[in-house]
Amino acid sequence: MKKLKYSILLFISFGCLAVMVNGQLKTENVILITLDGFRWQEVFTGADRLLVGNKKFVTDSAKLVSRFWRTTPEL
């Protein structure tokens, strides 16, 4: 997973460098959004039932399930 993060960071860095070398665009602000802490499984299929019920990770699993749990990943 670290290799993927470093690869993405390297790709973005080279992209920024290419824009700077070209000199046609003058970007003043850059916004970087990260999803640190999300597992890819949660992004595409929702929370894992085993993690939602684990007291080590969740203090009130009944409340969490009532607010966010769905039987399918679709909205």
PDB file of N, CA and C in Angstrom:
ATOM      1  N   MET A   1       0.812  -1.189   0.000  1.00  0.00           N
ATOM      2  CA  MET A   1       0.000   0.000   0.000  1.00  0.00           C
ATOM      3  C   MET A   1       0.862   1.261   0.000  1.00  0.00           C
ATOM      4  N   LYS A   2       2.014   1.200   0.688  1.00  0.00           N
ATOM      5  CA  LYS A   2       2.895   2.355   0.706  1.00  0.00           C
ATOM      6  C   LYS A   2       3.452   2.639  -0.677  1.00  0.00           C
ATOM      7  N   LYS A   3       3.726   1.568  -1.443  1.00  0.00           N
ATOM      8  CA  LYS A   3       4.252   1.768  -2.792  1.00  0.00           C
ATOM      9  C   LYS A   3       3.240   2.516  -3.649  1.00  0.00           C
ATOM     10  N   LEU A   4       1.952   2.192  -3.471  1.00  0.00           N
ATOM     11  CA  LEU A   4       0.908   2.870  -4.235  1.00  0.00           C
ATOM     12  C   LEU A   4       0.846   4.344  -3.860  1.00  0.00           C
ATOM     13  N   LYS A   5       0.933   4.664  -2.575  1.00  0.00           N
ATOM     14  CA  LYS A   5       0.902   6.060  -2.138  1.00  0.00           C
ATOM     15  C   LYS A   5       2.091   6.822  -2.693  1.00  0.00           C
ATOM     16  N   TYR A   6       3.270   6.206  -2.625  1.00  0.00           N
ATOM     17  CA  TYR A   6       4.457   6.869  -3.146  1.00  0.00           C
ATOM     18  C   TYR A   6       4.388   7.031  -4.665  1.00  0.00           C
ATOM     19  N   SER A   7       3.809   6.061  -5.344  1.00  0.00           N
ATOM     20  CA  SER A   7       3.671   6.160  -6.794  1.00  0.00           C
ATOM     21  C   SER A   7       2.730   7.297  -7.176  1.00  0.00           C
ATOM     22  N   ILE A   8       1.628   7.412  -6.440  1.00  0.00           N
ATOM     23  CA  ILE A   8       0.682   8.493  -6.720  1.00  0.00           C
ATOM     24  C   ILE A   8       1.328   9.845  -6.435  1.00  0.00           C
ATOM     25  N   LEU A   9       2.039   9.942  -5.323  1.00  0.00           N
ATOM     26  CA  LEU A   9       2.718  11.188  -4.979  1.00  0.00           C
ATOM     27  C   LEU A   9       3.762  11.548  -6.032  1.00  0.00           C
ATOM     28  N   LEU A  10       4.500  10.578  -6.494  1.00  0.00           N
ATOM     29  CA  LEU A  10       5.508  10.815  -7.523  1.00  0.00           C
ATOM     30  C   LEU A  10       4.853  11.265  -8.826  1.00  0.00           C
ATOM     31  N   PHE A  11       3.743  10.641  -9.192  1.00  0.00           N
ATOM     32  CA  PHE A  11       3.024  11.006 -10.411  1.00  0.00           C
ATOM     33  C   PHE A  11       2.521  12.444 -10.334  1.00  0.00           C
ATOM     34  N   ILE A  12       1.954  12.813  -9.195  1.00  0.00           N
ATOM     35  CA  ILE A  12       1.453  14.178  -9.020  1.00  0.00           C
ATOM     36  C   ILE A  12       2.608  15.174  -9.048  1.00  0.00           C
ATOM     37  N   SER A  13       3.725  14.812  -8.426  1.00  0.00           N
ATOM     38  CA  SER A  13       4.890  15.698  -8.413  1.00  0.00           C
ATOM     39  C   SER A  13       5.409  15.950  -9.821  1.00  0.00           C
ATOM     40  N   PHE A  14       5.501  14.903 -10.627  1.00  0.00           N
ATOM     41  CA  PHE A  14       5.965  15.082 -12.004  1.00  0.00           C
ATOM     42  C   PHE A  14       4.966  15.901 -12.818  1.00  0.00           C
ATOM     43  N   GLY A  15       3.690  15.716 -12.552  1.00  0.00           N
ATOM     44  CA  GLY A  15       2.683  16.516 -13.243  1.00  0.00           C
ATOM     45  C   GLY A  15       2.817  17.994 -12.916  1.00  0.00           C
ATOM     46  N   CYS A  16       3.018  18.295 -11.641  1.00  0.00           N
ATOM     47  CA  CYS A  16       3.211  19.692 -11.231  1.00  0.00           C
ATOM     48  C   CYS A  16       4.485  20.262 -11.828  1.00  0.00           C
ATOM     49  N   LEU A  17       5.525  19.454 -11.852  1.00  0.00           N
ATOM     50  CA  LEU A  17       6.796  19.900 -12.422  1.00  0.00           C
ATOM     51  C   LEU A  17       6.637  20.207 -13.912  1.00  0.00           C
ATOM     52  N   ALA A  18       5.898  19.365 -14.620  1.00  0.00           N
ATOM     53  CA  ALA A  18       5.688  19.583 -16.055  1.00  0.00           C
ATOM     54  C   ALA A  18       4.936  20.890 -16.299  1.00  0.00           C
ATOM     55  N   VAL A  19       3.965  21.183 -15.458  1.00  0.00           N
ATOM     56  CA  VAL A  19       3.211  22.432 -15.603  1.00  0.00           C
ATOM     57  C   VAL A  19       4.101  23.626 -15.299  1.00  0.00           C
ATOM     58  N   MET A  20       4.935  23.500 -14.277  1.00  0.00           N
ATOM     59  CA  MET A  20       5.824  24.609 -13.916  1.00  0.00           C
ATOM     60  C   MET A  20       6.849  24.872 -15.018  1.00  0.00           C
ATOM     61  N   VAL A  21       7.368  23.816 -15.616  1.00  0.00           N
ATOM     62  CA  VAL A  21       8.369  23.974 -16.678  1.00  0.00           C
ATOM     63  C   VAL A  21       7.730  24.612 -17.902  1.00  0.00           C
ATOM     64  N   ASN A  22       6.503  24.227 -18.185  1.00  0.00           N
ATOM     65  CA  ASN A  22       5.806  24.767 -19.345  1.00  0.00           C
ATOM     66  C   ASN A  22       5.582  26.268 -19.169  1.00  0.00           C
ATOM     67  N   GLY A  23       5.220  26.701 -17.977  1.00  0.00           N
ATOM     68  CA  GLY A  23       5.111  28.112 -17.678  1.00  0.00           C
ATOM     69  C   GLY A  23       3.858  28.798 -18.184  1.00  0.00           C
ATOM     70  N   GLN A  24       2.968  28.114 -18.837  1.00  0.00           N
ATOM     71  CA  GLN A  24       1.772  28.756 -19.370  1.00  0.00           C
ATOM     72  C   GLN A  24       0.698  28.928 -18.290  1.00  0.00           C
ATOM     73  N   LEU A  25       0.638  28.019 -17.341  1.00  0.00           N
ATOM     74  CA  LEU A  25      -0.344  28.113 -16.277  1.00  0.00           C
ATOM     75  C   LEU A  25       0.309  28.712 -15.033  1.00  0.00           C
ATOM     76  N   LYS A  26      -0.398  29.595 -14.366  1.00  0.00           N
ATOM     77  CA  LYS A  26       0.130  30.198 -13.154  1.00  0.00           C
ATOM     78  C   LYS A  26      -0.812  29.870 -12.002  1.00  0.00           C
ATOM     79  N   THR A  27      -0.613  28.719 -11.427  1.00  0.00           N
ATOM     80  CA  THR A  27      -1.447  28.270 -10.322  1.00  0.00           C
ATOM     81  C   THR A  27      -0.969  28.913  -9.029  1.00  0.00           C
ATOM     82  N   GLU A  28      -1.899  29.534  -8.302  1.00  0.00           N
ATOM     83  CA  GLU A  28      -1.544  30.146  -7.036  1.00  0.00           C
ATOM     84  C   GLU A  28      -1.864  29.242  -5.857  1.00  0.00           C
ATOM     85  N   ASN A  29      -2.908  28.448  -5.977  1.00  0.00           N
ATOM     86  CA  ASN A  29      -3.346  27.602  -4.872  1.00  0.00           C
ATOM     87  C   ASN A  29      -3.475  26.160  -5.342  1.00  0.00           C
ATOM     88  N   VAL A  30      -3.070  25.263  -4.465  1.00  0.00           N
ATOM     89  CA  VAL A  30      -3.207  23.837  -4.729  1.00  0.00           C
ATOM     90  C   VAL A  30      -3.942  23.227  -3.545  1.00  0.00           C
ATOM     91  N   ILE A  31      -4.965  22.428  -3.823  1.00  0.00           N
ATOM     92  CA  ILE A  31      -5.721  21.760  -2.765  1.00  0.00           C
ATOM     93  C   ILE A  31      -5.462  20.264  -2.881  1.00  0.00           C
ATOM     94  N   LEU A  32      -4.993  19.673  -1.785  1.00  0.00           N
ATOM     95  CA  LEU A  32      -4.712  18.244  -1.746  1.00  0.00           C
ATOM     96  C   LEU A  32      -5.709  17.586  -0.802  1.00  0.00           C
ATOM     97  N   ILE A  33      -6.461  16.633  -1.324  1.00  0.00           N
ATOM     98  CA  ILE A  33      -7.451  15.915  -0.526  1.00  0.00           C
ATOM     99  C   ILE A  33      -6.985  14.480  -0.371  1.00  0.00           C
ATOM    100  N   THR A  34      -6.924  14.001   0.868  1.00  0.00           N
ATOM    101  CA  THR A  34      -6.514  12.626   1.118  1.00  0.00           C
ATOM    102  C   THR A  34      -7.620  11.887   1.846  1.00  0.00           C
ATOM    103  N   LEU A  35      -7.609  10.593   1.712  1.00  0.00           N
ATOM    104  CA  LEU A  35      -8.583   9.735   2.382  1.00  0.00           C
ATOM    105  C   LEU A  35      -7.859   8.801   3.329  1.00  0.00           C
ATOM    106  N   ASP A  36      -6.986   9.346   4.141  1.00  0.00           N
ATOM    107  CA  ASP A  36      -6.222   8.536   5.053  1.00  0.00           C
ATOM    108  C   ASP A  36      -7.148   7.894   6.081  1.00  0.00           C
ATOM    109  N   GLY A  37      -6.986   6.631   6.287  1.00  0.00           N
ATOM    110  CA  GLY A  37      -7.823   5.917   7.239  1.00  0.00           C
ATOM    111  C   GLY A  37      -8.920   5.112   6.583  1.00  0.00           C
ATOM    112  N   PHE A  38      -9.228   5.377   5.331  1.00  0.00           N
ATOM    113  CA  PHE A  38     -10.233   4.595   4.627  1.00  0.00           C
ATOM    114  C   PHE A  38      -9.593   3.375   3.990  1.00  0.00           C
ATOM    115  N   ARG A  39     -10.250   2.243   4.127  1.00  0.00           N
ATOM    116  CA  ARG A  39      -9.827   1.043   3.410  1.00  0.00           C
ATOM    117  C   ARG A  39     -10.519   1.065   2.059  1.00  0.00           C
ATOM    118  N   TRP A  40      -9.876   0.558   1.026  1.00  0.00           N
ATOM    119  CA  TRP A  40     -10.488   0.586  -0.300  1.00  0.00           C
ATOM    120  C   TRP A  40     -11.796  -0.196  -0.314  1.00  0.00           C
ATOM    121  N   GLN A  41     -11.897  -1.229   0.524  1.00  0.00           N
ATOM    122  CA  GLN A  41     -13.129  -2.000   0.585  1.00  0.00           C
ATOM    123  C   GLN A  41     -14.283  -1.125   1.082  1.00  0.00           C
ATOM    124  N   GLU A  42     -14.007  -0.242   2.041  1.00  0.00           N
ATOM    125  CA  GLU A  42     -15.049   0.633   2.569  1.00  0.00           C
ATOM    126  C   GLU A  42     -15.485   1.662   1.547  1.00  0.00           C
ATOM    127  N   VAL A  43     -14.562   2.122   0.737  1.00  0.00           N
ATOM    128  CA  VAL A  43     -14.904   3.119  -0.272  1.00  0.00           C
ATOM    129  C   VAL A  43     -15.862   2.530  -1.301  1.00  0.00           C
ATOM    130  N   PHE A  44     -15.637   1.291  -1.728  1.00  0.00           N
ATOM    131  CA  PHE A  44     -16.427   0.713  -2.812  1.00  0.00           C
ATOM    132  C   PHE A  44     -17.576  -0.180  -2.352  1.00  0.00           C
ATOM    133  N   THR A  45     -17.485  -0.771  -1.174  1.00  0.00           N
ATOM    134  CA  THR A  45     -18.552  -1.696  -0.758  1.00  0.00           C
ATOM    135  C   THR A  45     -19.139  -1.384   0.608  1.00  0.00           C
ATOM    136  N   GLY A  46     -18.650  -0.376   1.294  1.00  0.00           N
ATOM    137  CA  GLY A  46     -19.181  -0.031   2.610  1.00  0.00           C
ATOM    138  C   GLY A  46     -18.385  -0.695   3.720  1.00  0.00           C
ATOM    139  N   ALA A  47     -18.845  -0.468   4.944  1.00  0.00           N
ATOM    140  CA  ALA A  47     -18.137  -0.962   6.124  1.00  0.00           C
ATOM    141  C   ALA A  47     -18.210  -2.477   6.236  1.00  0.00           C
ATOM    142  N   ASP A  48     -17.208  -3.038   6.850  1.00  0.00           N
ATOM    143  CA  ASP A  48     -17.145  -4.474   7.098  1.00  0.00           C
ATOM    144  C   ASP A  48     -17.900  -4.778   8.393  1.00  0.00           C
ATOM    145  N   ARG A  49     -18.806  -5.749   8.356  1.00  0.00           N
ATOM    146  CA  ARG A  49     -19.631  -6.097   9.518  1.00  0.00           C
ATOM    147  C   ARG A  49     -18.756  -6.508  10.713  1.00  0.00           C
ATOM    148  N   LEU A  50     -17.642  -7.183  10.457  1.00  0.00           N
ATOM    149  CA  LEU A  50     -16.766  -7.604  11.548  1.00  0.00           C
ATOM    150  C   LEU A  50     -16.101  -6.413  12.239  1.00  0.00           C
ATOM    151  N   LEU A  51     -15.776  -5.375  11.485  1.00  0.00           N
ATOM    152  CA  LEU A  51     -15.168  -4.193  12.084  1.00  0.00           C
ATOM    153  C   LEU A  51     -16.197  -3.325  12.797  1.00  0.00           C
ATOM    154  N   VAL A  52     -17.403  -3.262  12.268  1.00  0.00           N
ATOM    155  CA  VAL A  52     -18.453  -2.464  12.893  1.00  0.00           C
ATOM    156  C   VAL A  52     -18.812  -3.036  14.263  1.00  0.00           C
ATOM    157  N   GLY A  53     -18.789  -4.344  14.402  1.00  0.00           N
ATOM    158  CA  GLY A  53     -19.138  -4.979  15.664  1.00  0.00           C
ATOM    159  C   GLY A  53     -17.981  -5.151  16.631  1.00  0.00           C
ATOM    160  N   ASN A  54     -16.784  -4.763  16.245  1.00  0.00           N
ATOM    161  CA  ASN A  54     -15.597  -4.940  17.074  1.00  0.00           C
ATOM    162  C   ASN A  54     -15.488  -3.799  18.084  1.00  0.00           C
ATOM    163  N   LYS A  55     -15.539  -4.098  19.369  1.00  0.00           N
ATOM    164  CA  LYS A  55     -15.488  -3.091  20.428  1.00  0.00           C
ATOM    165  C   LYS A  55     -14.135  -2.367  20.484  1.00  0.00           C
ATOM    166  N   LYS A  56     -13.118  -2.950  19.886  1.00  0.00           N
ATOM    167  CA  LYS A  56     -11.795  -2.307  19.856  1.00  0.00           C
ATOM    168  C   LYS A  56     -11.819  -1.057  18.970  1.00  0.00           C
ATOM    169  N   PHE A  57     -12.651  -1.075  17.931  1.00  0.00           N
ATOM    170  CA  PHE A  57     -12.691   0.018  16.967  1.00  0.00           C
ATOM    171  C   PHE A  57     -13.912   0.923  17.121  1.00  0.00           C
ATOM    172  N   VAL A  58     -15.018   0.386  17.640  1.00  0.00           N
ATOM    173  CA  VAL A  58     -16.276   1.131  17.707  1.00  0.00           C
ATOM    174  C   VAL A  58     -16.817   1.076  19.126  1.00  0.00           C
ATOM    175  N   THR A  59     -17.128   2.240  19.699  1.00  0.00           N
ATOM    176  CA  THR A  59     -17.633   2.259  21.074  1.00  0.00           C
ATOM    177  C   THR A  59     -19.127   1.963  21.141  1.00  0.00           C
ATOM    178  N   ASP A  60     -19.916   2.443  20.181  1.00  0.00           N
ATOM    179  CA  ASP A  60     -21.362   2.217  20.176  1.00  0.00           C
ATOM    180  C   ASP A  60     -21.764   1.641  18.823  1.00  0.00           C
ATOM    181  N   SER A  61     -21.591   0.344  18.648  1.00  0.00           N
ATOM    182  CA  SER A  61     -21.855  -0.277  17.352  1.00  0.00           C
ATOM    183  C   SER A  61     -23.338  -0.279  17.007  1.00  0.00           C
ATOM    184  N   ALA A  62     -24.228  -0.326  18.000  1.00  0.00           N
ATOM    185  CA  ALA A  62     -25.666  -0.303  17.709  1.00  0.00           C
ATOM    186  C   ALA A  62     -26.065   1.031  17.068  1.00  0.00           C
ATOM    187  N   LYS A  63     -25.535   2.115  17.583  1.00  0.00           N
ATOM    188  CA  LYS A  63     -25.829   3.436  17.018  1.00  0.00           C
ATOM    189  C   LYS A  63     -25.240   3.563  15.610  1.00  0.00           C
ATOM    190  N   LEU A  64     -24.032   3.078  15.434  1.00  0.00           N
ATOM    191  CA  LEU A  64     -23.382   3.124  14.124  1.00  0.00           C
ATOM    192  C   LEU A  64     -24.182   2.339  13.089  1.00  0.00           C
ATOM    193  N   VAL A  65     -24.610   1.143  13.463  1.00  0.00           N
ATOM    194  CA  VAL A  65     -25.382   0.304  12.545  1.00  0.00           C
ATOM    195  C   VAL A  65     -26.720   0.959  12.223  1.00  0.00           C
ATOM    196  N   SER A  66     -27.395   1.522  13.208  1.00  0.00           N
ATOM    197  CA  SER A  66     -28.703   2.135  12.955  1.00  0.00           C
ATOM    198  C   SER A  66     -28.600   3.361  12.048  1.00  0.00           C
ATOM    199  N   ARG A  67     -27.488   4.087  12.125  1.00  0.00           N
ATOM    200  CA  ARG A  67     -27.338   5.293  11.304  1.00  0.00           C
ATOM    201  C   ARG A  67     -26.807   5.017   9.902  1.00  0.00           C
ATOM    202  N   PHE A  68     -25.881   4.059   9.771  1.00  0.00           N
ATOM    203  CA  PHE A  68     -25.171   3.939   8.503  1.00  0.00           C
ATOM    204  C   PHE A  68     -25.248   2.582   7.814  1.00  0.00           C
ATOM    205  N   TRP A  69     -25.683   1.537   8.469  1.00  0.00           N
ATOM    206  CA  TRP A  69     -25.629   0.208   7.867  1.00  0.00           C
ATOM    207  C   TRP A  69     -26.753   0.024   6.849  1.00  0.00           C
ATOM    208  N   ARG A  70     -26.397  -0.532   5.703  1.00  0.00           N
ATOM    209  CA  ARG A  70     -27.357  -0.884   4.650  1.00  0.00           C
ATOM    210  C   ARG A  70     -27.045  -2.300   4.199  1.00  0.00           C
ATOM    211  N   THR A  71     -28.047  -2.986   3.691  1.00  0.00           N
ATOM    212  CA  THR A  71     -27.835  -4.379   3.269  1.00  0.00           C
ATOM    213  C   THR A  71     -27.046  -4.456   1.956  1.00  0.00           C
ATOM    214  N   THR A  72     -27.091  -3.398   1.150  1.00  0.00           N
ATOM    215  CA  THR A  72     -26.332  -3.357  -0.106  1.00  0.00           C
ATOM    216  C   THR A  72     -25.489  -2.087  -0.136  1.00  0.00           C
ATOM    217  N   PRO A  73     -24.418  -2.061  -0.914  1.00  0.00           N
ATOM    218  CA  PRO A  73     -23.582  -0.861  -0.968  1.00  0.00           C
ATOM    219  C   PRO A  73     -24.228   0.303  -1.717  1.00  0.00           C
ATOM    220  N   GLU A  74     -25.273   0.059  -2.481  1.00  0.00           N
ATOM    221  CA  GLU A  74     -25.938   1.129  -3.209  1.00  0.00           C
ATOM    222  C   GLU A  74     -26.704   2.030  -2.249  1.00  0.00           C
ATOM    223  N   LEU A  75     -26.915   3.277  -2.645  1.00  0.00           N
ATOM    224  CA  LEU A  75     -27.641   4.225  -1.790  1.00  0.00           C
ATOM    225  C   LEU A  75     -29.111   3.913  -1.736  1.00  0.00           C
TER     226      LEU A  75
END
